[in-house]
Amino acid sequence: MKLAILGDLHIISPDDPFPEARERRAHFAQTDGALKALRILVRQEAPDLVISVGDLIDWYSDENRDAAIRFLDSLGAPWLLTPGNHDIAGYIRENGEVTGPYETAQIEEAARKGWADAGIEIGNRAIDVGFARLLLLDSAPGEIPTQTQQWLEENLTESANRSADDKTILFTHIPFNIEAIRRFITSVEPGRDPHKSLQRGMPAAIEDLLVAGMSMVFTGHLHFFPGHVAVNGLDMYLLPLSVISAGRVYPRQGTVTFLELDGSPPRQVLLDPAH
């Protein structure tokens, strides 16, 4: 079985009701060519399942949501989404002025309702595919709520007791706040506070649980810090953008990750902008 794993896409619809925001975020609003190349690549690869690790859209609106759904539906395979912070954030118009994006409780609630109304599940899920278990962890709020922590700990404990031949692969948007990832970020950008870019609220024991229960972890969010971090045999992949932005440069942008569930390592392919 083959998975196509998509990093951040930040899709913006031309029909979104905030043209001021589209103008501010033109580097993601003008990616039609890259999305076309992405569609061609994924359809050529013919994966059995597509997984987005979040920031599928640049901010929540029904129009952005619908454009993203149409795009994923066009890839020729079933797909799943684990949400990013942008997927639950939004702009507001007040006294004629557009401000945001905000990640308030009210906006998050409206965004989650919007995804649900469209029939898209974005909560925590465990999905068995053959001998593999896929965990989709909702890290969109950044601060991980207690119920999500409990869900993850239960699933990691169960995975640690599975057969060595049974893989457990975790997908989430914001990377875990563990020492190896913090070191990686500061090695790329010394002086940066890595805590600001990582999950908050997970217990200190989460690293041991991840190492014991996981085969691989795939995350997005860190546009400037894509890479591979190994922790005691656990491979953690910090994915680059899977789209090519217009007018801004991000490391290895336009990268799509393919994973065969046969034990082989992930394969990363750069988009061909000529398409």
C-alpha atoms as a PDB file:
ATOM      1  CA  MET A   1       0.000   0.000   0.000  1.00  0.00           C
ATOM      2  CA  LYS A   2       1.290   3.436  -0.943  1.00  0.00           C
ATOM      3  CA  LEU A   3       0.626   6.684   0.939  1.00  0.00           C
ATOM      4  CA  ALA A   4       1.081  10.186  -0.444  1.00  0.00           C
ATOM      5  CA  ILE A   5       1.808  12.556   2.445  1.00  0.00           C
ATOM      6  CA  LEU A   6       1.253  16.244   1.811  1.00  0.00           C
ATOM      7  CA  GLY A   7       2.930  19.014   3.750  1.00  0.00           C
ATOM      8  CA  ASP A   8       1.326  22.441   4.145  1.00  0.00           C
ATOM      9  CA  LEU A   9      -0.583  23.708   1.088  1.00  0.00           C
ATOM     10  CA  HIS A  10      -2.185  26.957   2.364  1.00  0.00           C
ATOM     11  CA  ILE A  11      -4.873  26.929  -0.334  1.00  0.00           C
ATOM     12  CA  ILE A  12      -6.747  30.228  -0.829  1.00  0.00           C
ATOM     13  CA  SER A  13      -9.873  30.399  -2.975  1.00  0.00           C
ATOM     14  CA  PRO A  14     -10.400  33.329  -5.377  1.00  0.00           C
ATOM     15  CA  ASP A  15     -13.959  33.356  -4.017  1.00  0.00           C
ATOM     16  CA  ASP A  16     -12.910  33.927  -0.395  1.00  0.00           C
ATOM     17  CA  PRO A  17     -14.784  36.954   1.030  1.00  0.00           C
ATOM     18  CA  PHE A  18     -11.606  38.671   2.280  1.00  0.00           C
ATOM     19  CA  PRO A  19      -9.772  40.043  -0.797  1.00  0.00           C
ATOM     20  CA  GLU A  20      -7.616  42.160   1.517  1.00  0.00           C
ATOM     21  CA  ALA A  21      -6.294  38.973   3.122  1.00  0.00           C
ATOM     22  CA  ARG A  22      -5.714  37.416  -0.296  1.00  0.00           C
ATOM     23  CA  GLU A  23      -3.573  40.407  -1.228  1.00  0.00           C
ATOM     24  CA  ARG A  24      -1.553  40.198   1.987  1.00  0.00           C
ATOM     25  CA  ARG A  25      -1.044  36.484   1.469  1.00  0.00           C
ATOM     26  CA  ALA A  26      -0.436  36.640  -2.280  1.00  0.00           C
ATOM     27  CA  HIS A  27       2.513  34.238  -1.989  1.00  0.00           C
ATOM     28  CA  PHE A  28      -0.018  31.500  -1.206  1.00  0.00           C
ATOM     29  CA  ALA A  29      -2.944  32.923  -3.194  1.00  0.00           C
ATOM     30  CA  GLN A  30      -1.039  32.570  -6.472  1.00  0.00           C
ATOM     31  CA  THR A  31      -0.104  28.890  -6.452  1.00  0.00           C
ATOM     32  CA  ASP A  32      -2.444  27.501  -9.118  1.00  0.00           C
ATOM     33  CA  GLY A  33       0.479  26.302 -11.245  1.00  0.00           C
ATOM     34  CA  ALA A  34       2.090  24.489  -8.335  1.00  0.00           C
ATOM     35  CA  LEU A  35      -1.199  22.860  -7.360  1.00  0.00           C
ATOM     36  CA  LYS A  36      -1.620  21.660 -10.944  1.00  0.00           C
ATOM     37  CA  ALA A  37       1.888  20.149 -10.862  1.00  0.00           C
ATOM     38  CA  LEU A  38       1.072  18.530  -7.526  1.00  0.00           C
ATOM     39  CA  ARG A  39      -2.094  17.015  -8.952  1.00  0.00           C
ATOM     40  CA  ILE A  40      -0.186  15.600 -11.933  1.00  0.00           C
ATOM     41  CA  LEU A  41       2.520  14.081  -9.722  1.00  0.00           C
ATOM     42  CA  VAL A  42       0.120  12.455  -7.270  1.00  0.00           C
ATOM     43  CA  ARG A  43      -2.073  11.020 -10.009  1.00  0.00           C
ATOM     44  CA  GLN A  44       1.023   9.601 -11.741  1.00  0.00           C
ATOM     45  CA  GLU A  45       2.157   7.980  -8.492  1.00  0.00           C
ATOM     46  CA  ALA A  46      -1.354   6.545  -7.941  1.00  0.00           C
ATOM     47  CA  PRO A  47      -1.256   6.233  -4.132  1.00  0.00           C
ATOM     48  CA  ASP A  48      -3.864   4.221  -2.282  1.00  0.00           C
ATOM     49  CA  LEU A  49      -4.349   6.985   0.285  1.00  0.00           C
ATOM     50  CA  VAL A  50      -3.468  10.681   0.554  1.00  0.00           C
ATOM     51  CA  ILE A  51      -2.841  12.240   3.977  1.00  0.00           C
ATOM     52  CA  SER A  52      -2.557  15.987   4.591  1.00  0.00           C
ATOM     53  CA  VAL A  53      -0.647  16.953   7.732  1.00  0.00           C
ATOM     54  CA  GLY A  54      -2.521  20.239   7.971  1.00  0.00           C
ATOM     55  CA  ASP A  55      -2.528  23.887   6.992  1.00  0.00           C
ATOM     56  CA  LEU A  56      -4.447  22.625   4.010  1.00  0.00           C
ATOM     57  CA  ILE A  57      -5.923  26.129   3.771  1.00  0.00           C
ATOM     58  CA  ASP A  58      -4.387  29.475   4.705  1.00  0.00           C
ATOM     59  CA  TRP A  59      -7.347  30.468   6.891  1.00  0.00           C
ATOM     60  CA  TYR A  60     -10.792  29.072   7.427  1.00  0.00           C
ATOM     61  CA  SER A  61     -13.669  30.181   5.255  1.00  0.00           C
ATOM     62  CA  ASP A  62     -16.271  28.001   3.593  1.00  0.00           C
ATOM     63  CA  GLU A  63     -14.833  29.076   0.241  1.00  0.00           C
ATOM     64  CA  ASN A  64     -11.262  28.092   1.140  1.00  0.00           C
ATOM     65  CA  ARG A  65     -12.512  24.830   2.634  1.00  0.00           C
ATOM     66  CA  ASP A  66     -14.487  23.974  -0.499  1.00  0.00           C
ATOM     67  CA  ALA A  67     -11.565  24.805  -2.804  1.00  0.00           C
ATOM     68  CA  ALA A  68      -9.305  22.523  -0.763  1.00  0.00           C
ATOM     69  CA  ILE A  69     -11.837  19.697  -0.795  1.00  0.00           C
ATOM     70  CA  ARG A  70     -12.189  19.989  -4.572  1.00  0.00           C
ATOM     71  CA  PHE A  71      -8.418  19.867  -4.933  1.00  0.00           C
ATOM     72  CA  LEU A  72      -7.969  16.781  -2.756  1.00  0.00           C
ATOM     73  CA  ASP A  73     -10.907  15.088  -4.470  1.00  0.00           C
ATOM     74  CA  SER A  74      -9.113  15.641  -7.798  1.00  0.00           C
ATOM     75  CA  LEU A  75      -6.062  13.591  -6.763  1.00  0.00           C
ATOM     76  CA  GLY A  76      -7.667  10.261  -7.609  1.00  0.00           C
ATOM     77  CA  ALA A  77      -7.384   8.603  -4.188  1.00  0.00           C
ATOM     78  CA  PRO A  78      -9.172   8.646  -0.829  1.00  0.00           C
ATOM     79  CA  TRP A  79      -7.763  11.266   1.519  1.00  0.00           C
ATOM     80  CA  LEU A  80      -7.542  12.185   5.193  1.00  0.00           C
ATOM     81  CA  LEU A  81      -6.786  15.471   6.943  1.00  0.00           C
ATOM     82  CA  THR A  82      -5.240  16.122  10.320  1.00  0.00           C
ATOM     83  CA  PRO A  83      -5.695  19.861  10.870  1.00  0.00           C
ATOM     84  CA  GLY A  84      -3.173  22.646  11.248  1.00  0.00           C
ATOM     85  CA  ASN A  85      -3.473  25.944  13.062  1.00  0.00           C
ATOM     86  CA  HIS A  86      -4.384  27.768   9.831  1.00  0.00           C
ATOM     87  CA  ASP A  87      -7.271  25.344   9.229  1.00  0.00           C
ATOM     88  CA  ILE A  88      -9.037  26.657  12.351  1.00  0.00           C
ATOM     89  CA  ALA A  89      -7.990  30.333  12.160  1.00  0.00           C
ATOM     90  CA  GLY A  90      -9.900  33.128  10.462  1.00  0.00           C
ATOM     91  CA  TYR A  91     -10.175  36.775   9.537  1.00  0.00           C
ATOM     92  CA  ILE A  92     -12.880  39.187  10.645  1.00  0.00           C
ATOM     93  CA  ARG A  93     -14.243  42.383   9.148  1.00  0.00           C
ATOM     94  CA  GLU A  94     -15.039  45.067  11.692  1.00  0.00           C
ATOM     95  CA  ASN A  95     -15.895  48.697  10.925  1.00  0.00           C
ATOM     96  CA  GLY A  96     -14.833  48.057   7.348  1.00  0.00           C
ATOM     97  CA  GLU A  97     -11.374  46.800   8.309  1.00  0.00           C
ATOM     98  CA  VAL A  98     -10.149  43.229   7.826  1.00  0.00           C
ATOM     99  CA  THR A  99      -7.934  41.916  10.621  1.00  0.00           C
ATOM    100  CA  GLY A 100      -6.482  38.538  11.502  1.00  0.00           C
ATOM    101  CA  PRO A 101      -5.930  35.730  11.162  1.00  0.00           C
ATOM    102  CA  TYR A 102      -7.143  35.000  14.655  1.00  0.00           C
ATOM    103  CA  GLU A 103      -7.205  31.683  16.508  1.00  0.00           C
ATOM    104  CA  THR A 104      -9.840  32.592  19.088  1.00  0.00           C
ATOM    105  CA  ALA A 105     -12.130  29.996  20.649  1.00  0.00           C
ATOM    106  CA  GLN A 106     -15.093  31.428  18.742  1.00  0.00           C
ATOM    107  CA  ILE A 107     -13.338  31.297  15.368  1.00  0.00           C
ATOM    108  CA  GLU A 108     -11.992  27.808  16.068  1.00  0.00           C
ATOM    109  CA  GLU A 109     -15.472  26.576  16.988  1.00  0.00           C
ATOM    110  CA  ALA A 110     -16.931  28.009  13.777  1.00  0.00           C
ATOM    111  CA  ALA A 111     -14.134  26.486  11.699  1.00  0.00           C
ATOM    112  CA  ARG A 112     -14.524  23.044  13.241  1.00  0.00           C
ATOM    113  CA  LYS A 113     -18.266  23.228  12.637  1.00  0.00           C
ATOM    114  CA  GLY A 114     -17.572  24.227   9.039  1.00  0.00           C
ATOM    115  CA  TRP A 115     -15.348  21.209   8.432  1.00  0.00           C
ATOM    116  CA  ALA A 116     -17.926  18.944  10.072  1.00  0.00           C
ATOM    117  CA  ASP A 117     -20.753  20.442   8.011  1.00  0.00           C
ATOM    118  CA  ALA A 118     -18.786  19.524   4.884  1.00  0.00           C
ATOM    119  CA  GLY A 119     -18.416  15.942   6.130  1.00  0.00           C
ATOM    120  CA  ILE A 120     -14.674  16.251   6.823  1.00  0.00           C
ATOM    121  CA  GLU A 121     -13.406  14.640  10.013  1.00  0.00           C
ATOM    122  CA  ILE A 122     -10.457  16.424  11.639  1.00  0.00           C
ATOM    123  CA  GLY A 123     -10.377  14.939  15.134  1.00  0.00           C
ATOM    124  CA  ASN A 124      -8.078  12.303  16.606  1.00  0.00           C
ATOM    125  CA  ARG A 125      -8.342   8.976  14.789  1.00  0.00           C
ATOM    126  CA  ALA A 126      -6.703   5.558  14.740  1.00  0.00           C
ATOM    127  CA  ILE A 127      -7.065   3.745  11.415  1.00  0.00           C
ATOM    128  CA  ASP A 128      -5.875   0.217  10.713  1.00  0.00           C
ATOM    129  CA  VAL A 129      -4.594  -0.379   7.187  1.00  0.00           C
ATOM    130  CA  GLY A 130      -3.379  -3.933   6.712  1.00  0.00           C
ATOM    131  CA  PHE A 131      -0.618  -4.499   9.284  1.00  0.00           C
ATOM    132  CA  ALA A 132      -0.179  -0.764   9.875  1.00  0.00           C
ATOM    133  CA  ARG A 133      -1.991   1.532  12.260  1.00  0.00           C
ATOM    134  CA  LEU A 134      -2.224   5.196  11.301  1.00  0.00           C
ATOM    135  CA  LEU A 135      -2.698   7.710  14.112  1.00  0.00           C
ATOM    136  CA  LEU A 136      -3.966  11.163  13.163  1.00  0.00           C
ATOM    137  CA  LEU A 137      -3.399  13.564  16.057  1.00  0.00           C
ATOM    138  CA  ASP A 138      -5.177  16.931  16.147  1.00  0.00           C
ATOM    139  CA  SER A 139      -2.474  19.401  17.218  1.00  0.00           C
ATOM    140  CA  ALA A 140      -4.048  22.438  15.531  1.00  0.00           C
ATOM    141  CA  PRO A 141      -4.576  24.459  18.745  1.00  0.00           C
ATOM    142  CA  GLY A 142      -0.873  24.212  19.650  1.00  0.00           C
ATOM    143  CA  GLU A 143      -1.802  23.714  23.306  1.00  0.00           C
ATOM    144  CA  ILE A 144      -2.723  20.043  23.436  1.00  0.00           C
ATOM    145  CA  PRO A 145      -5.867  19.428  25.533  1.00  0.00           C
ATOM    146  CA  THR A 146      -5.959  16.770  28.222  1.00  0.00           C
ATOM    147  CA  GLN A 147      -8.319  14.476  26.322  1.00  0.00           C
ATOM    148  CA  THR A 148      -5.976  14.444  23.326  1.00  0.00           C
ATOM    149  CA  GLN A 149      -3.005  13.667  25.567  1.00  0.00           C
ATOM    150  CA  GLN A 150      -4.915  10.759  27.096  1.00  0.00           C
ATOM    151  CA  TRP A 151      -5.971   9.477  23.678  1.00  0.00           C
ATOM    152  CA  LEU A 152      -2.383   9.556  22.441  1.00  0.00           C
ATOM    153  CA  GLU A 153      -0.932   7.910  25.544  1.00  0.00           C
ATOM    154  CA  GLU A 154      -3.484   5.079  25.315  1.00  0.00           C
ATOM    155  CA  ASN A 155      -2.734   4.496  21.637  1.00  0.00           C
ATOM    156  CA  LEU A 156       1.030   4.658  22.116  1.00  0.00           C
ATOM    157  CA  THR A 157       0.861   2.169  24.984  1.00  0.00           C
ATOM    158  CA  GLU A 158      -1.258  -0.167  22.867  1.00  0.00           C
ATOM    159  CA  SER A 159       1.103   0.213  19.899  1.00  0.00           C
ATOM    160  CA  ALA A 160       4.122  -0.638  22.047  1.00  0.00           C
ATOM    161  CA  ASN A 161       2.498  -4.016  22.744  1.00  0.00           C
ATOM    162  CA  ARG A 162       1.778  -4.820  19.101  1.00  0.00           C
ATOM    163  CA  SER A 163       3.852  -7.262  17.064  1.00  0.00           C
ATOM    164  CA  ALA A 164       7.176  -5.923  15.814  1.00  0.00           C
ATOM    165  CA  ASP A 165       5.867  -6.503  12.279  1.00  0.00           C
ATOM    166  CA  ASP A 166       2.914  -4.180  12.894  1.00  0.00           C
ATOM    167  CA  LYS A 167       3.851  -0.593  12.174  1.00  0.00           C
ATOM    168  CA  THR A 168       2.290   2.429  13.857  1.00  0.00           C
ATOM    169  CA  ILE A 169       2.721   5.717  12.005  1.00  0.00           C
ATOM    170  CA  LEU A 170       1.667   9.056  13.445  1.00  0.00           C
ATOM    171  CA  PHE A 171       0.607  12.130  11.481  1.00  0.00           C
ATOM    172  CA  THR A 172       0.122  15.531  13.082  1.00  0.00           C
ATOM    173  CA  HIS A 173       0.645  19.166  12.148  1.00  0.00           C
ATOM    174  CA  ILE A 174       2.750  20.725  14.903  1.00  0.00           C
ATOM    175  CA  PRO A 175       5.881  18.744  15.848  1.00  0.00           C
ATOM    176  CA  PHE A 176       6.391  17.364  19.332  1.00  0.00           C
ATOM    177  CA  ASN A 177       8.336  19.484  21.799  1.00  0.00           C
ATOM    178  CA  ILE A 178      11.154  17.059  22.475  1.00  0.00           C
ATOM    179  CA  GLU A 179      14.865  17.695  22.887  1.00  0.00           C
ATOM    180  CA  ALA A 180      15.997  16.268  19.544  1.00  0.00           C
ATOM    181  CA  ILE A 181      13.621  18.496  17.583  1.00  0.00           C
ATOM    182  CA  ARG A 182      14.530  21.550  19.645  1.00  0.00           C
ATOM    183  CA  ARG A 183      18.201  20.869  18.914  1.00  0.00           C
ATOM    184  CA  PHE A 184      17.458  20.489  15.225  1.00  0.00           C
ATOM    185  CA  ILE A 185      15.663  23.851  15.049  1.00  0.00           C
ATOM    186  CA  THR A 186      18.419  25.709  16.863  1.00  0.00           C
ATOM    187  CA  SER A 187      21.044  24.048  14.653  1.00  0.00           C
ATOM    188  CA  VAL A 188      19.314  25.595  11.644  1.00  0.00           C
ATOM    189  CA  GLU A 189      18.634  28.960  13.274  1.00  0.00           C
ATOM    190  CA  PRO A 190      20.752  29.579  16.379  1.00  0.00           C
ATOM    191  CA  GLY A 191      19.134  31.924  18.848  1.00  0.00           C
ATOM    192  CA  ARG A 192      15.584  31.020  17.870  1.00  0.00           C
ATOM    193  CA  ASP A 193      13.284  29.894  20.683  1.00  0.00           C
ATOM    194  CA  PRO A 194      12.127  26.472  19.416  1.00  0.00           C
ATOM    195  CA  HIS A 195       9.345  26.201  21.991  1.00  0.00           C
ATOM    196  CA  LYS A 196       7.300  28.784  20.059  1.00  0.00           C
ATOM    197  CA  SER A 197       7.067  26.466  17.034  1.00  0.00           C
ATOM    198  CA  LEU A 198       6.264  23.201  18.826  1.00  0.00           C
ATOM    199  CA  GLN A 199       3.386  21.566  20.668  1.00  0.00           C
ATOM    200  CA  ARG A 200       2.613  22.759  24.167  1.00  0.00           C
ATOM    201  CA  GLY A 201       1.212  20.804  27.079  1.00  0.00           C
ATOM    202  CA  MET A 202       2.398  17.271  26.368  1.00  0.00           C
ATOM    203  CA  PRO A 203       3.879  15.464  29.406  1.00  0.00           C
ATOM    204  CA  ALA A 204       7.651  15.042  29.603  1.00  0.00           C
ATOM    205  CA  ALA A 205       7.237  11.267  29.229  1.00  0.00           C
ATOM    206  CA  ILE A 206       5.856  11.650  25.704  1.00  0.00           C
ATOM    207  CA  GLU A 207       9.286  11.085  24.121  1.00  0.00           C
ATOM    208  CA  ASP A 208       9.672   7.657  25.739  1.00  0.00           C
ATOM    209  CA  LEU A 209       6.130   6.716  24.712  1.00  0.00           C
ATOM    210  CA  LEU A 210       6.743   7.809  21.122  1.00  0.00           C
ATOM    211  CA  VAL A 211       9.979   5.831  20.878  1.00  0.00           C
ATOM    212  CA  ALA A 212       8.328   2.727  22.337  1.00  0.00           C
ATOM    213  CA  GLY A 213       5.138   2.884  20.288  1.00  0.00           C
ATOM    214  CA  MET A 214       5.875   4.554  16.956  1.00  0.00           C
ATOM    215  CA  SER A 215       7.540   3.475  13.737  1.00  0.00           C
ATOM    216  CA  MET A 216       7.522   6.927  12.106  1.00  0.00           C
ATOM    217  CA  VAL A 217       6.121  10.406  12.742  1.00  0.00           C
ATOM    218  CA  PHE A 218       5.251  12.932  10.017  1.00  0.00           C
ATOM    219  CA  THR A 219       4.601  16.598  10.802  1.00  0.00           C
ATOM    220  CA  GLY A 220       4.252  19.935   8.977  1.00  0.00           C
ATOM    221  CA  HIS A 221       4.174  23.517  10.265  1.00  0.00           C
ATOM    222  CA  LEU A 222       7.918  24.305  10.174  1.00  0.00           C
ATOM    223  CA  HIS A 223       8.296  25.820   6.698  1.00  0.00           C
ATOM    224  CA  PHE A 224      11.850  26.949   7.376  1.00  0.00           C
ATOM    225  CA  PHE A 225      13.014  23.797   9.162  1.00  0.00           C
ATOM    226  CA  PRO A 226      12.212  20.709   7.064  1.00  0.00           C
ATOM    227  CA  GLY A 227      14.306  17.707   7.916  1.00  0.00           C
ATOM    228  CA  HIS A 228      14.670  14.253   9.434  1.00  0.00           C
ATOM    229  CA  VAL A 229      15.255  13.735  13.145  1.00  0.00           C
ATOM    230  CA  ALA A 230      16.078  10.264  14.509  1.00  0.00           C
ATOM    231  CA  VAL A 231      15.408   9.530  18.176  1.00  0.00           C
ATOM    232  CA  ASN A 232      16.490   6.103  19.451  1.00  0.00           C
ATOM    233  CA  GLY A 233      15.334   4.354  16.299  1.00  0.00           C
ATOM    234  CA  LEU A 234      12.229   6.504  15.771  1.00  0.00           C
ATOM    235  CA  ASP A 235      12.250   8.482  12.516  1.00  0.00           C
ATOM    236  CA  MET A 236      10.523  11.860  12.678  1.00  0.00           C
ATOM    237  CA  TYR A 237      10.018  13.703   9.386  1.00  0.00           C
ATOM    238  CA  LEU A 238       9.469  17.469   9.462  1.00  0.00           C
ATOM    239  CA  LEU A 239       7.873  17.971   6.060  1.00  0.00           C
ATOM    240  CA  PRO A 240       8.478  20.953   3.784  1.00  0.00           C
ATOM    241  CA  LEU A 241       5.700  22.757   1.937  1.00  0.00           C
ATOM    242  CA  SER A 242       4.098  20.588  -0.735  1.00  0.00           C
ATOM    243  CA  VAL A 243       3.322  23.702  -2.780  1.00  0.00           C
ATOM    244  CA  ILE A 244       5.636  26.279  -4.356  1.00  0.00           C
ATOM    245  CA  SER A 245       4.857  29.750  -3.053  1.00  0.00           C
ATOM    246  CA  ALA A 246       4.838  32.788  -5.314  1.00  0.00           C
ATOM    247  CA  GLY A 247       7.630  35.218  -4.575  1.00  0.00           C
ATOM    248  CA  ARG A 248       8.881  33.659  -1.348  1.00  0.00           C
ATOM    249  CA  VAL A 249      11.551  31.038  -0.885  1.00  0.00           C
ATOM    250  CA  TYR A 250      11.092  28.162   1.538  1.00  0.00           C
ATOM    251  CA  PRO A 251      13.573  25.278   1.865  1.00  0.00           C
ATOM    252  CA  ARG A 252      12.655  22.329  -0.391  1.00  0.00           C
ATOM    253  CA  GLN A 253       9.204  23.753  -1.100  1.00  0.00           C
ATOM    254  CA  GLY A 254       7.139  21.717  -3.519  1.00  0.00           C
ATOM    255  CA  THR A 255       8.067  18.375  -1.930  1.00  0.00           C
ATOM    256  CA  VAL A 256       5.677  15.427  -1.775  1.00  0.00           C
ATOM    257  CA  THR A 257       6.436  12.400   0.395  1.00  0.00           C
ATOM    258  CA  PHE A 258       5.497   8.872  -0.670  1.00  0.00           C
ATOM    259  CA  LEU A 259       5.573   5.932   1.715  1.00  0.00           C
ATOM    260  CA  GLU A 260       5.141   2.252   0.909  1.00  0.00           C
ATOM    261  CA  LEU A 261       3.926   0.273   3.918  1.00  0.00           C
ATOM    262  CA  ASP A 262       6.436  -2.500   3.223  1.00  0.00           C
ATOM    263  CA  GLY A 263       9.243  -1.271   5.445  1.00  0.00           C
ATOM    264  CA  SER A 264      11.014   0.852   2.842  1.00  0.00           C
ATOM    265  CA  PRO A 265      11.945   4.430   3.800  1.00  0.00           C
ATOM    266  CA  PRO A 266       9.878   7.404   2.627  1.00  0.00           C
ATOM    267  CA  ARG A 267      10.642   8.800  -0.809  1.00  0.00           C
ATOM    268  CA  GLN A 268      10.455  12.550  -1.385  1.00  0.00           C
ATOM    269  CA  VAL A 269       9.778  14.009  -4.840  1.00  0.00           C
ATOM    270  CA  LEU A 270      10.040  17.648  -5.908  1.00  0.00           C
ATOM    271  CA  LEU A 271       7.306  19.103  -8.082  1.00  0.00           C
ATOM    272  CA  ASP A 272       8.108  19.864 -11.697  1.00  0.00           C
ATOM    273  CA  PRO A 273       6.974  23.487 -12.133  1.00  0.00           C
ATOM    274  CA  ALA A 274       7.055  22.988 -15.918  1.00  0.00           C
ATOM    275  CA  HIS A 275       3.762  21.165 -15.537  1.00  0.00           C
END
